[in-house]
Amino acid sequence: MKAHTMKFRDCKSCLVYGTDNRPLANARVERTKDGGIMLFFQTQKLRSIRVKTVVDFYDQVQGVIRSRCELVIQHNIYGTKIKEPWMASCDILEVYDVYQRQKDLRIDVQIRAEFRTDAGWFFSGTIQNISAGGVYIVTKQALKKNDRFLFNYSFGSELVELKAKVLRVAGPVMGNGIGYGCQFVGLAPEAEAAVRKFVYTKQMQKQKE
């Protein structure tokens, strides 16, 4: 799939990889009046350069669009609302894949978290895997199908509130409590984008290990 055939539906952020294929920096995405793509970086750790590399675009409608792009990175010369120190013009050379919502990757994690139910009481547990669609948690708290809860987690620099409901009770987990498969509900676009970034970054890190 060539660049000129790919149209973003609702893309405001992306993750740029370095030439070593490791995550380099997040960027804000803007479309120009002539249909071009501009990226704006908050990080200071860049330099003026023309480079071909991989970029994951987080489109709220289509999912993650993984592309090979040519970037021309330079100091930000525009008076943007958020004055990021670096900017880049971006030409998409090739689209490798589009990870749609129904094909969300799920990664294994070990995240301790505090949860709060709709009734206002708290319980603790461990998130053992996560995707943009939901989480699998283990807790000693007894829950039943359709019970709802929320929790906060920092995905990088982004503190996100997530709400979920129990889809299935997986049963006892030796020495740890009970496992529950849960689905996110009412996920705001910003929260979904943050989860997607987290999942795909972790996936890339694991592939490099």
N, C-alpha and C. Protein backbone atom coordinates (compact mmCIF):
# COMPACT_ATOMS: atom_id res chain seq x y z
N MET A 1 0.85 -1.19 0.00
CA MET A 1 0.00 0.00 0.00
C MET A 1 0.88 1.24 0.00
N LYS A 2 0.67 2.10 -0.96
CA LYS A 2 1.51 3.29 -1.07
C LYS A 2 0.93 4.44 -0.29
N ALA A 3 1.78 5.43 -0.02
CA ALA A 3 1.40 6.53 0.86
C ALA A 3 0.18 7.28 0.37
N HIS A 4 0.12 7.57 -0.95
CA HIS A 4 -0.95 8.43 -1.43
C HIS A 4 -2.32 7.80 -1.32
N THR A 5 -2.39 6.44 -1.06
CA THR A 5 -3.68 5.78 -0.93
C THR A 5 -4.16 5.75 0.52
N MET A 6 -3.33 6.14 1.45
CA MET A 6 -3.69 6.09 2.87
C MET A 6 -4.22 7.43 3.33
N LYS A 7 -5.42 7.43 3.89
CA LYS A 7 -6.01 8.64 4.43
C LYS A 7 -6.30 8.44 5.91
N PHE A 8 -5.80 9.36 6.72
CA PHE A 8 -6.13 9.33 8.14
C PHE A 8 -7.58 9.73 8.32
N ARG A 9 -8.21 9.16 9.34
CA ARG A 9 -9.58 9.53 9.68
C ARG A 9 -9.60 10.49 10.87
N ASP A 10 -8.82 10.15 11.88
CA ASP A 10 -8.76 11.00 13.09
C ASP A 10 -7.46 10.69 13.81
N CYS A 11 -6.38 11.27 13.34
CA CYS A 11 -5.05 10.97 13.87
C CYS A 11 -4.44 12.23 14.46
N LYS A 12 -4.15 12.19 15.76
CA LYS A 12 -3.58 13.35 16.44
C LYS A 12 -2.21 13.06 17.06
N SER A 13 -1.77 11.80 17.06
CA SER A 13 -0.50 11.48 17.69
C SER A 13 0.15 10.29 17.00
N CYS A 14 1.45 10.14 17.24
CA CYS A 14 2.20 9.04 16.66
C CYS A 14 3.41 8.72 17.52
N LEU A 15 4.04 7.60 17.23
CA LEU A 15 5.29 7.21 17.87
C LEU A 15 6.33 7.02 16.78
N VAL A 16 7.44 7.75 16.89
CA VAL A 16 8.52 7.68 15.91
C VAL A 16 9.62 6.77 16.46
N TYR A 17 10.11 5.89 15.61
CA TYR A 17 11.19 4.98 15.98
C TYR A 17 12.52 5.51 15.45
N GLY A 18 13.59 5.16 16.15
CA GLY A 18 14.91 5.51 15.69
C GLY A 18 15.38 4.55 14.60
N THR A 19 16.53 4.82 14.02
CA THR A 19 17.05 3.95 12.98
C THR A 19 17.46 2.58 13.54
N ASP A 20 17.53 2.47 14.88
CA ASP A 20 17.81 1.18 15.51
C ASP A 20 16.52 0.41 15.79
N ASN A 21 15.38 0.94 15.31
CA ASN A 21 14.06 0.33 15.48
C ASN A 21 13.54 0.36 16.91
N ARG A 22 14.16 1.16 17.76
CA ARG A 22 13.66 1.35 19.12
C ARG A 22 12.83 2.62 19.18
N PRO A 23 11.79 2.64 20.04
CA PRO A 23 10.99 3.87 20.17
C PRO A 23 11.86 5.08 20.48
N LEU A 24 11.67 6.15 19.73
CA LEU A 24 12.48 7.35 19.88
C LEU A 24 11.72 8.46 20.58
N ALA A 25 10.53 8.82 20.07
CA ALA A 25 9.79 9.95 20.64
C ALA A 25 8.34 9.93 20.18
N ASN A 26 7.45 10.38 21.06
CA ASN A 26 6.06 10.62 20.68
C ASN A 26 5.97 11.97 19.99
N ALA A 27 4.98 12.13 19.13
CA ALA A 27 4.79 13.40 18.43
C ALA A 27 3.31 13.69 18.24
N ARG A 28 3.00 14.97 18.20
CA ARG A 28 1.66 15.42 17.85
C ARG A 28 1.57 15.53 16.33
N VAL A 29 0.44 15.11 15.78
CA VAL A 29 0.28 15.09 14.32
C VAL A 29 -0.67 16.20 13.88
N GLU A 30 -0.26 16.95 12.87
CA GLU A 30 -1.13 17.95 12.25
C GLU A 30 -1.13 17.74 10.74
N ARG A 31 -2.28 17.94 10.13
CA ARG A 31 -2.37 17.93 8.66
C ARG A 31 -2.31 19.36 8.15
N THR A 32 -1.57 19.60 7.10
CA THR A 32 -1.48 20.92 6.50
C THR A 32 -2.62 21.13 5.51
N LYS A 33 -2.81 22.37 5.08
CA LYS A 33 -3.91 22.68 4.16
C LYS A 33 -3.78 21.94 2.83
N ASP A 34 -2.53 21.65 2.44
CA ASP A 34 -2.33 20.95 1.17
C ASP A 34 -2.26 19.43 1.34
N GLY A 35 -2.64 18.95 2.53
CA GLY A 35 -2.70 17.51 2.75
C GLY A 35 -1.43 16.89 3.29
N GLY A 36 -0.41 17.70 3.56
CA GLY A 36 0.83 17.18 4.12
C GLY A 36 0.71 16.81 5.59
N ILE A 37 1.75 16.20 6.12
CA ILE A 37 1.77 15.76 7.52
C ILE A 37 2.92 16.45 8.23
N MET A 38 2.62 17.08 9.36
CA MET A 38 3.64 17.69 10.20
C MET A 38 3.61 17.03 11.58
N LEU A 39 4.79 16.76 12.12
CA LEU A 39 4.93 16.20 13.45
C LEU A 39 5.58 17.22 14.36
N PHE A 40 5.12 17.29 15.62
CA PHE A 40 5.67 18.23 16.59
C PHE A 40 6.07 17.46 17.86
N PHE A 41 7.33 17.66 18.29
CA PHE A 41 7.91 16.89 19.39
C PHE A 41 8.13 17.76 20.62
N GLN A 42 7.77 17.24 21.78
CA GLN A 42 8.04 17.95 23.03
C GLN A 42 9.43 17.65 23.57
N THR A 43 10.01 16.53 23.16
CA THR A 43 11.33 16.18 23.66
C THR A 43 12.39 17.14 23.12
N GLN A 44 13.44 17.33 23.90
CA GLN A 44 14.58 18.15 23.49
C GLN A 44 15.65 17.33 22.79
N LYS A 45 15.53 15.99 22.88
CA LYS A 45 16.62 15.11 22.47
C LYS A 45 16.52 14.72 21.00
N LEU A 46 16.52 15.73 20.13
CA LEU A 46 16.52 15.48 18.69
C LEU A 46 17.58 16.35 18.04
N ARG A 47 17.79 16.17 16.76
CA ARG A 47 18.72 17.02 16.03
C ARG A 47 18.20 17.19 14.61
N SER A 48 18.68 18.22 13.94
CA SER A 48 18.25 18.48 12.57
C SER A 48 18.81 17.39 11.66
N ILE A 49 17.90 16.70 10.98
CA ILE A 49 18.34 15.56 10.16
C ILE A 49 17.21 15.16 9.20
N ARG A 50 17.57 14.59 8.08
CA ARG A 50 16.61 13.94 7.18
C ARG A 50 16.81 12.43 7.35
N VAL A 51 15.75 11.69 7.65
CA VAL A 51 15.91 10.28 7.99
C VAL A 51 14.69 9.49 7.52
N LYS A 52 14.91 8.24 7.15
CA LYS A 52 13.84 7.31 6.83
C LYS A 52 13.70 6.33 7.98
N THR A 53 12.49 6.23 8.52
CA THR A 53 12.31 5.39 9.71
C THR A 53 10.85 4.96 9.83
N VAL A 54 10.56 4.18 10.84
CA VAL A 54 9.20 3.66 11.08
C VAL A 54 8.43 4.61 11.99
N VAL A 55 7.16 4.83 11.66
CA VAL A 55 6.28 5.66 12.49
C VAL A 55 4.97 4.90 12.69
N ASP A 56 4.52 4.83 13.93
CA ASP A 56 3.19 4.29 14.24
C ASP A 56 2.24 5.46 14.43
N PHE A 57 1.26 5.60 13.53
CA PHE A 57 0.25 6.64 13.65
C PHE A 57 -0.96 6.07 14.38
N TYR A 58 -1.45 6.80 15.38
CA TYR A 58 -2.57 6.34 16.19
C TYR A 58 -3.85 7.00 15.70
N ASP A 59 -4.55 6.33 14.82
CA ASP A 59 -5.79 6.84 14.25
C ASP A 59 -6.96 6.31 15.08
N GLN A 60 -7.80 7.23 15.57
CA GLN A 60 -8.87 6.83 16.47
C GLN A 60 -9.91 5.95 15.79
N VAL A 61 -10.00 6.00 14.48
CA VAL A 61 -11.00 5.22 13.76
C VAL A 61 -10.40 3.92 13.22
N GLN A 62 -9.21 4.02 12.61
CA GLN A 62 -8.65 2.87 11.91
C GLN A 62 -7.76 1.99 12.78
N GLY A 63 -7.22 2.55 13.84
CA GLY A 63 -6.29 1.80 14.68
C GLY A 63 -4.87 2.33 14.51
N VAL A 64 -3.89 1.45 14.64
CA VAL A 64 -2.49 1.83 14.51
C VAL A 64 -2.03 1.60 13.07
N ILE A 65 -1.54 2.67 12.44
CA ILE A 65 -1.06 2.59 11.07
C ILE A 65 0.47 2.61 11.11
N ARG A 66 1.07 1.45 10.90
CA ARG A 66 2.54 1.37 10.94
C ARG A 66 3.09 1.64 9.55
N SER A 67 3.98 2.64 9.46
CA SER A 67 4.43 3.13 8.16
C SER A 67 5.94 3.36 8.16
N ARG A 68 6.50 3.28 6.96
CA ARG A 68 7.87 3.74 6.75
C ARG A 68 7.78 5.15 6.19
N CYS A 69 8.48 6.08 6.84
CA CYS A 69 8.34 7.49 6.49
C CYS A 69 9.70 8.15 6.32
N GLU A 70 9.69 9.23 5.56
CA GLU A 70 10.86 10.09 5.48
C GLU A 70 10.55 11.36 6.27
N LEU A 71 11.37 11.64 7.27
CA LEU A 71 11.18 12.81 8.12
C LEU A 71 12.30 13.81 7.88
N VAL A 72 11.92 15.08 7.85
CA VAL A 72 12.90 16.16 7.85
C VAL A 72 12.70 16.90 9.18
N ILE A 73 13.60 16.61 10.12
CA ILE A 73 13.47 17.15 11.48
C ILE A 73 14.26 18.45 11.59
N GLN A 74 13.63 19.45 12.18
CA GLN A 74 14.29 20.74 12.38
C GLN A 74 13.67 21.44 13.59
N HIS A 75 14.29 22.53 14.03
CA HIS A 75 13.71 23.31 15.11
C HIS A 75 12.35 23.85 14.68
N ASN A 76 11.42 23.90 15.64
CA ASN A 76 10.07 24.37 15.35
C ASN A 76 10.07 25.87 15.05
N ILE A 77 9.70 26.21 13.83
CA ILE A 77 9.70 27.62 13.42
C ILE A 77 8.29 28.21 13.42
N TYR A 78 7.30 27.37 13.75
CA TYR A 78 5.92 27.83 13.72
C TYR A 78 5.45 28.29 15.10
N GLY A 79 4.48 29.19 15.12
CA GLY A 79 3.90 29.65 16.38
C GLY A 79 2.73 28.77 16.77
N THR A 80 3.01 27.49 17.03
CA THR A 80 1.95 26.55 17.38
C THR A 80 1.43 26.82 18.79
N LYS A 81 0.20 26.37 19.03
CA LYS A 81 -0.45 26.60 20.32
C LYS A 81 0.40 26.04 21.45
N ILE A 82 0.91 24.83 21.27
CA ILE A 82 1.86 24.24 22.20
C ILE A 82 3.23 24.37 21.55
N LYS A 83 4.12 25.13 22.16
CA LYS A 83 5.39 25.45 21.51
C LYS A 83 6.38 24.31 21.70
N GLU A 84 6.24 23.27 20.87
CA GLU A 84 7.19 22.17 20.92
C GLU A 84 8.53 22.62 20.32
N PRO A 85 9.64 22.15 20.88
CA PRO A 85 10.95 22.62 20.40
C PRO A 85 11.34 22.07 19.02
N TRP A 86 10.79 20.91 18.64
CA TRP A 86 11.18 20.30 17.36
C TRP A 86 9.95 19.99 16.51
N MET A 87 10.15 19.98 15.21
CA MET A 87 9.10 19.65 14.27
C MET A 87 9.69 18.82 13.14
N ALA A 88 8.82 18.19 12.36
CA ALA A 88 9.30 17.43 11.19
C ALA A 88 8.21 17.37 10.14
N SER A 89 8.59 17.58 8.90
CA SER A 89 7.69 17.25 7.80
C SER A 89 7.80 15.74 7.58
N CYS A 90 6.67 15.12 7.24
CA CYS A 90 6.63 13.66 7.17
C CYS A 90 6.00 13.21 5.86
N ASP A 91 6.74 12.43 5.10
CA ASP A 91 6.22 11.80 3.88
C ASP A 91 6.12 10.30 4.12
N ILE A 92 4.92 9.74 3.96
CA ILE A 92 4.74 8.30 4.11
C ILE A 92 5.20 7.61 2.83
N LEU A 93 6.19 6.75 2.95
CA LEU A 93 6.72 6.03 1.79
C LEU A 93 6.00 4.71 1.57
N GLU A 94 5.61 4.08 2.68
CA GLU A 94 4.98 2.76 2.59
C GLU A 94 4.20 2.50 3.87
N VAL A 95 3.04 1.90 3.76
CA VAL A 95 2.27 1.46 4.92
C VAL A 95 2.49 -0.04 5.09
N TYR A 96 3.07 -0.41 6.23
CA TYR A 96 3.35 -1.82 6.48
C TYR A 96 2.10 -2.58 6.89
N ASP A 97 1.32 -1.98 7.80
CA ASP A 97 0.16 -2.70 8.34
C ASP A 97 -0.77 -1.72 9.04
N VAL A 98 -2.03 -2.11 9.18
CA VAL A 98 -3.01 -1.36 9.95
C VAL A 98 -3.58 -2.32 10.98
N TYR A 99 -3.28 -2.06 12.25
CA TYR A 99 -3.78 -2.91 13.34
C TYR A 99 -5.14 -2.38 13.75
N GLN A 100 -6.19 -3.02 13.26
CA GLN A 100 -7.53 -2.52 13.52
C GLN A 100 -7.98 -2.88 14.93
N ARG A 101 -9.09 -2.25 15.35
CA ARG A 101 -9.59 -2.44 16.71
C ARG A 101 -9.84 -3.90 17.01
N GLN A 102 -10.43 -4.62 16.05
CA GLN A 102 -10.76 -6.02 16.33
C GLN A 102 -9.52 -6.90 16.34
N LYS A 103 -8.35 -6.36 16.01
CA LYS A 103 -7.12 -7.14 15.99
C LYS A 103 -6.12 -6.62 17.02
N ASP A 104 -6.64 -6.05 18.11
CA ASP A 104 -5.76 -5.45 19.10
C ASP A 104 -4.79 -6.47 19.69
N LEU A 105 -3.54 -6.07 19.77
CA LEU A 105 -2.55 -6.89 20.45
C LEU A 105 -2.79 -6.87 21.95
N ARG A 106 -2.52 -7.98 22.58
CA ARG A 106 -2.61 -8.09 24.04
C ARG A 106 -1.23 -8.48 24.54
N ILE A 107 -0.72 -7.76 25.54
CA ILE A 107 0.60 -8.07 26.06
C ILE A 107 0.52 -8.46 27.53
N ASP A 108 1.41 -9.34 27.92
CA ASP A 108 1.50 -9.76 29.32
C ASP A 108 2.25 -8.71 30.13
N VAL A 109 1.71 -8.37 31.29
CA VAL A 109 2.33 -7.39 32.18
C VAL A 109 2.15 -7.86 33.62
N GLN A 110 2.77 -7.17 34.54
CA GLN A 110 2.55 -7.38 35.98
C GLN A 110 2.43 -6.00 36.60
N ILE A 111 1.23 -5.45 36.64
CA ILE A 111 1.01 -4.09 37.12
C ILE A 111 0.11 -4.14 38.35
N ARG A 112 0.64 -3.73 39.49
CA ARG A 112 -0.19 -3.61 40.68
C ARG A 112 -1.05 -2.36 40.57
N ALA A 113 -2.31 -2.48 40.93
CA ALA A 113 -3.21 -1.35 40.76
C ALA A 113 -4.26 -1.35 41.87
N GLU A 114 -4.80 -0.16 42.12
CA GLU A 114 -5.93 0.02 43.02
C GLU A 114 -7.18 0.29 42.18
N PHE A 115 -8.24 -0.42 42.47
CA PHE A 115 -9.47 -0.31 41.71
C PHE A 115 -10.58 0.23 42.60
N ARG A 116 -11.54 0.91 41.99
CA ARG A 116 -12.70 1.42 42.73
C ARG A 116 -13.97 1.01 42.00
N THR A 117 -14.91 0.42 42.73
CA THR A 117 -16.16 -0.02 42.12
C THR A 117 -17.13 1.14 41.99
N ASP A 118 -18.21 0.90 41.24
CA ASP A 118 -19.25 1.91 41.10
C ASP A 118 -19.87 2.26 42.45
N ALA A 119 -19.83 1.32 43.37
CA ALA A 119 -20.39 1.55 44.71
C ALA A 119 -19.46 2.36 45.60
N GLY A 120 -18.22 2.58 45.14
CA GLY A 120 -17.30 3.44 45.87
C GLY A 120 -16.33 2.73 46.79
N TRP A 121 -16.30 1.40 46.79
CA TRP A 121 -15.31 0.72 47.62
C TRP A 121 -14.10 0.29 46.78
N PHE A 122 -12.98 0.17 47.49
CA PHE A 122 -11.69 -0.04 46.84
C PHE A 122 -11.20 -1.48 47.04
N PHE A 123 -10.44 -1.94 46.07
CA PHE A 123 -9.74 -3.22 46.20
C PHE A 123 -8.48 -3.17 45.36
N SER A 124 -7.52 -4.00 45.69
CA SER A 124 -6.25 -4.04 44.96
C SER A 124 -6.14 -5.33 44.17
N GLY A 125 -5.27 -5.31 43.19
CA GLY A 125 -5.07 -6.50 42.37
C GLY A 125 -3.92 -6.30 41.42
N THR A 126 -3.73 -7.25 40.52
CA THR A 126 -2.65 -7.21 39.53
C THR A 126 -3.22 -7.36 38.14
N ILE A 127 -2.85 -6.42 37.26
CA ILE A 127 -3.19 -6.54 35.84
C ILE A 127 -2.15 -7.46 35.21
N GLN A 128 -2.61 -8.58 34.63
CA GLN A 128 -1.68 -9.55 34.07
C GLN A 128 -1.57 -9.48 32.55
N ASN A 129 -2.57 -8.93 31.90
CA ASN A 129 -2.41 -8.57 30.49
C ASN A 129 -3.36 -7.45 30.14
N ILE A 130 -3.05 -6.75 29.05
CA ILE A 130 -3.80 -5.56 28.68
C ILE A 130 -3.78 -5.39 27.17
N SER A 131 -4.87 -4.88 26.63
CA SER A 131 -4.97 -4.48 25.23
C SER A 131 -5.82 -3.23 25.19
N ALA A 132 -6.02 -2.67 24.00
CA ALA A 132 -6.89 -1.51 23.88
C ALA A 132 -8.34 -1.87 24.14
N GLY A 133 -8.63 -3.18 24.19
CA GLY A 133 -10.00 -3.62 24.44
C GLY A 133 -10.31 -3.92 25.89
N GLY A 134 -9.28 -4.23 26.69
CA GLY A 134 -9.56 -4.57 28.07
C GLY A 134 -8.36 -5.11 28.81
N VAL A 135 -8.62 -5.67 30.02
CA VAL A 135 -7.56 -6.18 30.88
C VAL A 135 -7.97 -7.52 31.49
N TYR A 136 -6.97 -8.26 31.87
CA TYR A 136 -7.16 -9.46 32.69
C TYR A 136 -6.53 -9.16 34.04
N ILE A 137 -7.34 -9.22 35.10
CA ILE A 137 -6.83 -8.90 36.43
C ILE A 137 -6.96 -10.10 37.36
N VAL A 138 -6.08 -10.12 38.35
CA VAL A 138 -6.15 -11.12 39.42
C VAL A 138 -6.26 -10.37 40.73
N THR A 139 -7.26 -10.72 41.52
CA THR A 139 -7.50 -10.05 42.79
C THR A 139 -8.16 -11.02 43.77
N LYS A 140 -8.03 -10.73 45.05
CA LYS A 140 -8.71 -11.55 46.06
C LYS A 140 -10.14 -11.06 46.31
N GLN A 141 -10.49 -9.96 45.67
CA GLN A 141 -11.84 -9.43 45.79
C GLN A 141 -12.81 -10.26 44.96
N ALA A 142 -13.91 -10.65 45.56
CA ALA A 142 -14.93 -11.41 44.83
C ALA A 142 -15.73 -10.46 43.93
N LEU A 143 -15.74 -10.75 42.64
CA LEU A 143 -16.51 -9.98 41.66
C LEU A 143 -17.40 -10.94 40.88
N LYS A 144 -18.41 -10.38 40.24
CA LYS A 144 -19.27 -11.20 39.41
C LYS A 144 -19.40 -10.57 38.03
N LYS A 145 -19.92 -11.32 37.08
CA LYS A 145 -20.06 -10.83 35.72
C LYS A 145 -20.86 -9.54 35.68
N ASN A 146 -20.37 -8.58 34.89
CA ASN A 146 -20.98 -7.26 34.68
C ASN A 146 -20.69 -6.26 35.80
N ASP A 147 -19.96 -6.68 36.86
CA ASP A 147 -19.50 -5.70 37.86
C ASP A 147 -18.58 -4.71 37.17
N ARG A 148 -18.67 -3.43 37.57
CA ARG A 148 -17.87 -2.38 36.95
C ARG A 148 -16.92 -1.76 37.97
N PHE A 149 -15.76 -1.30 37.47
CA PHE A 149 -14.77 -0.65 38.32
C PHE A 149 -13.95 0.30 37.47
N LEU A 150 -13.19 1.15 38.13
CA LEU A 150 -12.29 2.05 37.41
C LEU A 150 -10.94 2.09 38.12
N PHE A 151 -9.92 2.53 37.40
CA PHE A 151 -8.59 2.68 37.98
C PHE A 151 -7.82 3.70 37.16
N ASN A 152 -6.77 4.24 37.75
CA ASN A 152 -5.89 5.20 37.09
C ASN A 152 -4.53 4.56 36.85
N TYR A 153 -3.93 4.88 35.72
CA TYR A 153 -2.58 4.38 35.45
C TYR A 153 -1.85 5.38 34.57
N SER A 154 -0.55 5.54 34.82
CA SER A 154 0.27 6.45 34.02
C SER A 154 0.91 5.69 32.87
N PHE A 155 0.45 5.96 31.66
CA PHE A 155 1.06 5.38 30.47
C PHE A 155 2.11 6.38 29.98
N GLY A 156 3.34 6.20 30.43
CA GLY A 156 4.37 7.19 30.16
C GLY A 156 4.08 8.43 30.97
N SER A 157 3.90 9.56 30.30
CA SER A 157 3.62 10.81 30.99
C SER A 157 2.12 11.09 31.09
N GLU A 158 1.29 10.16 30.58
CA GLU A 158 -0.14 10.39 30.52
C GLU A 158 -0.87 9.59 31.60
N LEU A 159 -1.45 10.29 32.59
CA LEU A 159 -2.27 9.65 33.61
C LEU A 159 -3.68 9.50 33.06
N VAL A 160 -4.14 8.26 32.99
CA VAL A 160 -5.41 7.97 32.34
C VAL A 160 -6.35 7.25 33.31
N GLU A 161 -7.62 7.65 33.31
CA GLU A 161 -8.64 6.92 34.07
C GLU A 161 -9.33 5.94 33.14
N LEU A 162 -9.39 4.68 33.55
CA LEU A 162 -9.97 3.62 32.73
C LEU A 162 -11.12 2.96 33.48
N LYS A 163 -12.21 2.71 32.78
CA LYS A 163 -13.36 2.03 33.35
C LYS A 163 -13.52 0.69 32.66
N ALA A 164 -13.89 -0.33 33.43
CA ALA A 164 -14.01 -1.67 32.86
C ALA A 164 -15.15 -2.42 33.53
N LYS A 165 -15.62 -3.45 32.84
CA LYS A 165 -16.62 -4.34 33.44
C LYS A 165 -16.16 -5.78 33.27
N VAL A 166 -16.56 -6.64 34.20
CA VAL A 166 -16.18 -8.04 34.19
C VAL A 166 -16.99 -8.77 33.12
N LEU A 167 -16.27 -9.40 32.18
CA LEU A 167 -16.92 -10.20 31.15
C LEU A 167 -17.00 -11.67 31.55
N ARG A 168 -15.95 -12.13 32.22
CA ARG A 168 -15.93 -13.54 32.61
C ARG A 168 -15.11 -13.72 33.88
N VAL A 169 -15.53 -14.68 34.68
CA VAL A 169 -14.79 -15.07 35.88
C VAL A 169 -13.96 -16.29 35.51
N ALA A 170 -12.64 -16.10 35.43
CA ALA A 170 -11.76 -17.18 34.97
C ALA A 170 -11.54 -18.24 36.03
N GLY A 171 -11.69 -17.86 37.31
CA GLY A 171 -11.52 -18.83 38.39
C GLY A 171 -10.26 -18.57 39.20
N PRO A 172 -10.04 -19.41 40.24
CA PRO A 172 -8.90 -19.20 41.16
C PRO A 172 -7.56 -19.28 40.45
N VAL A 173 -6.64 -18.41 40.86
CA VAL A 173 -5.25 -18.43 40.41
C VAL A 173 -4.40 -18.79 41.62
N MET A 174 -3.64 -19.85 41.52
CA MET A 174 -2.96 -20.41 42.68
C MET A 174 -2.21 -19.35 43.50
N GLY A 175 -2.63 -19.18 44.75
CA GLY A 175 -1.94 -18.29 45.69
C GLY A 175 -2.16 -16.81 45.49
N ASN A 176 -2.92 -16.42 44.45
CA ASN A 176 -3.04 -15.01 44.15
C ASN A 176 -4.46 -14.46 44.22
N GLY A 177 -5.46 -15.31 44.11
CA GLY A 177 -6.83 -14.84 44.12
C GLY A 177 -7.60 -15.40 42.94
N ILE A 178 -8.45 -14.56 42.35
CA ILE A 178 -9.33 -15.00 41.27
C ILE A 178 -9.03 -14.16 40.03
N GLY A 179 -9.05 -14.80 38.87
CA GLY A 179 -8.80 -14.11 37.62
C GLY A 179 -10.10 -13.66 36.96
N TYR A 180 -10.06 -12.46 36.38
CA TYR A 180 -11.24 -11.90 35.72
C TYR A 180 -10.85 -11.30 34.37
N GLY A 181 -11.57 -11.69 33.33
CA GLY A 181 -11.41 -11.05 32.03
C GLY A 181 -12.35 -9.86 31.94
N CYS A 182 -11.82 -8.67 31.67
CA CYS A 182 -12.61 -7.45 31.76
C CYS A 182 -12.49 -6.64 30.46
N GLN A 183 -13.57 -5.95 30.14
CA GLN A 183 -13.63 -5.12 28.93
C GLN A 183 -13.70 -3.65 29.32
N PHE A 184 -12.92 -2.81 28.61
CA PHE A 184 -13.02 -1.37 28.84
C PHE A 184 -14.39 -0.87 28.36
N VAL A 185 -14.94 0.10 29.09
CA VAL A 185 -16.22 0.69 28.71
C VAL A 185 -16.08 2.21 28.71
N GLY A 186 -16.76 2.85 27.77
CA GLY A 186 -16.75 4.31 27.71
C GLY A 186 -15.36 4.89 27.58
N LEU A 187 -14.49 4.22 26.83
CA LEU A 187 -13.10 4.65 26.72
C LEU A 187 -13.00 5.91 25.87
N ALA A 188 -12.48 6.98 26.47
CA ALA A 188 -12.29 8.23 25.73
C ALA A 188 -11.22 8.03 24.66
N PRO A 189 -11.30 8.74 23.54
CA PRO A 189 -10.29 8.60 22.47
C PRO A 189 -8.87 8.80 22.97
N GLU A 190 -8.66 9.78 23.87
CA GLU A 190 -7.32 10.05 24.39
C GLU A 190 -6.82 8.86 25.21
N ALA A 191 -7.72 8.27 26.00
CA ALA A 191 -7.34 7.12 26.82
C ALA A 191 -7.02 5.92 25.95
N GLU A 192 -7.82 5.69 24.92
CA GLU A 192 -7.56 4.56 24.02
C GLU A 192 -6.23 4.73 23.31
N ALA A 193 -5.93 5.95 22.88
CA ALA A 193 -4.66 6.21 22.21
C ALA A 193 -3.49 5.94 23.16
N ALA A 194 -3.65 6.33 24.44
CA ALA A 194 -2.58 6.12 25.42
C ALA A 194 -2.34 4.63 25.65
N VAL A 195 -3.44 3.85 25.73
CA VAL A 195 -3.29 2.40 25.92
C VAL A 195 -2.63 1.78 24.70
N ARG A 196 -3.06 2.19 23.51
CA ARG A 196 -2.46 1.64 22.30
C ARG A 196 -0.96 1.92 22.23
N LYS A 197 -0.56 3.14 22.56
CA LYS A 197 0.86 3.48 22.56
C LYS A 197 1.61 2.57 23.51
N PHE A 198 1.06 2.40 24.71
CA PHE A 198 1.70 1.57 25.73
C PHE A 198 1.87 0.13 25.24
N VAL A 199 0.80 -0.44 24.68
CA VAL A 199 0.82 -1.83 24.24
C VAL A 199 1.84 -2.04 23.13
N TYR A 200 1.83 -1.15 22.14
CA TYR A 200 2.72 -1.34 21.00
C TYR A 200 4.17 -1.05 21.35
N THR A 201 4.39 -0.11 22.26
CA THR A 201 5.76 0.15 22.71
C THR A 201 6.30 -1.05 23.46
N LYS A 202 5.49 -1.62 24.36
CA LYS A 202 5.90 -2.82 25.09
C LYS A 202 6.15 -3.99 24.15
N GLN A 203 5.30 -4.11 23.14
CA GLN A 203 5.47 -5.19 22.18
C GLN A 203 6.80 -5.07 21.44
N MET A 204 7.13 -3.85 21.02
CA MET A 204 8.40 -3.63 20.33
C MET A 204 9.58 -3.90 21.24
N GLN A 205 9.47 -3.50 22.51
CA GLN A 205 10.55 -3.74 23.46
C GLN A 205 10.79 -5.22 23.66
N LYS A 206 9.71 -5.99 23.74
CA LYS A 206 9.83 -7.44 23.94
C LYS A 206 10.46 -8.11 22.71
N GLN A 207 10.14 -7.60 21.54
CA GLN A 207 10.71 -8.16 20.32
C GLN A 207 12.21 -7.93 20.24
N LYS A 208 12.69 -6.86 20.91
CA LYS A 208 14.10 -6.54 20.88
C LYS A 208 14.90 -7.28 21.95
N GLU A 209 14.23 -7.85 22.93
CA GLU A 209 14.92 -8.51 24.04
C GLU A 209 15.46 -9.87 23.63
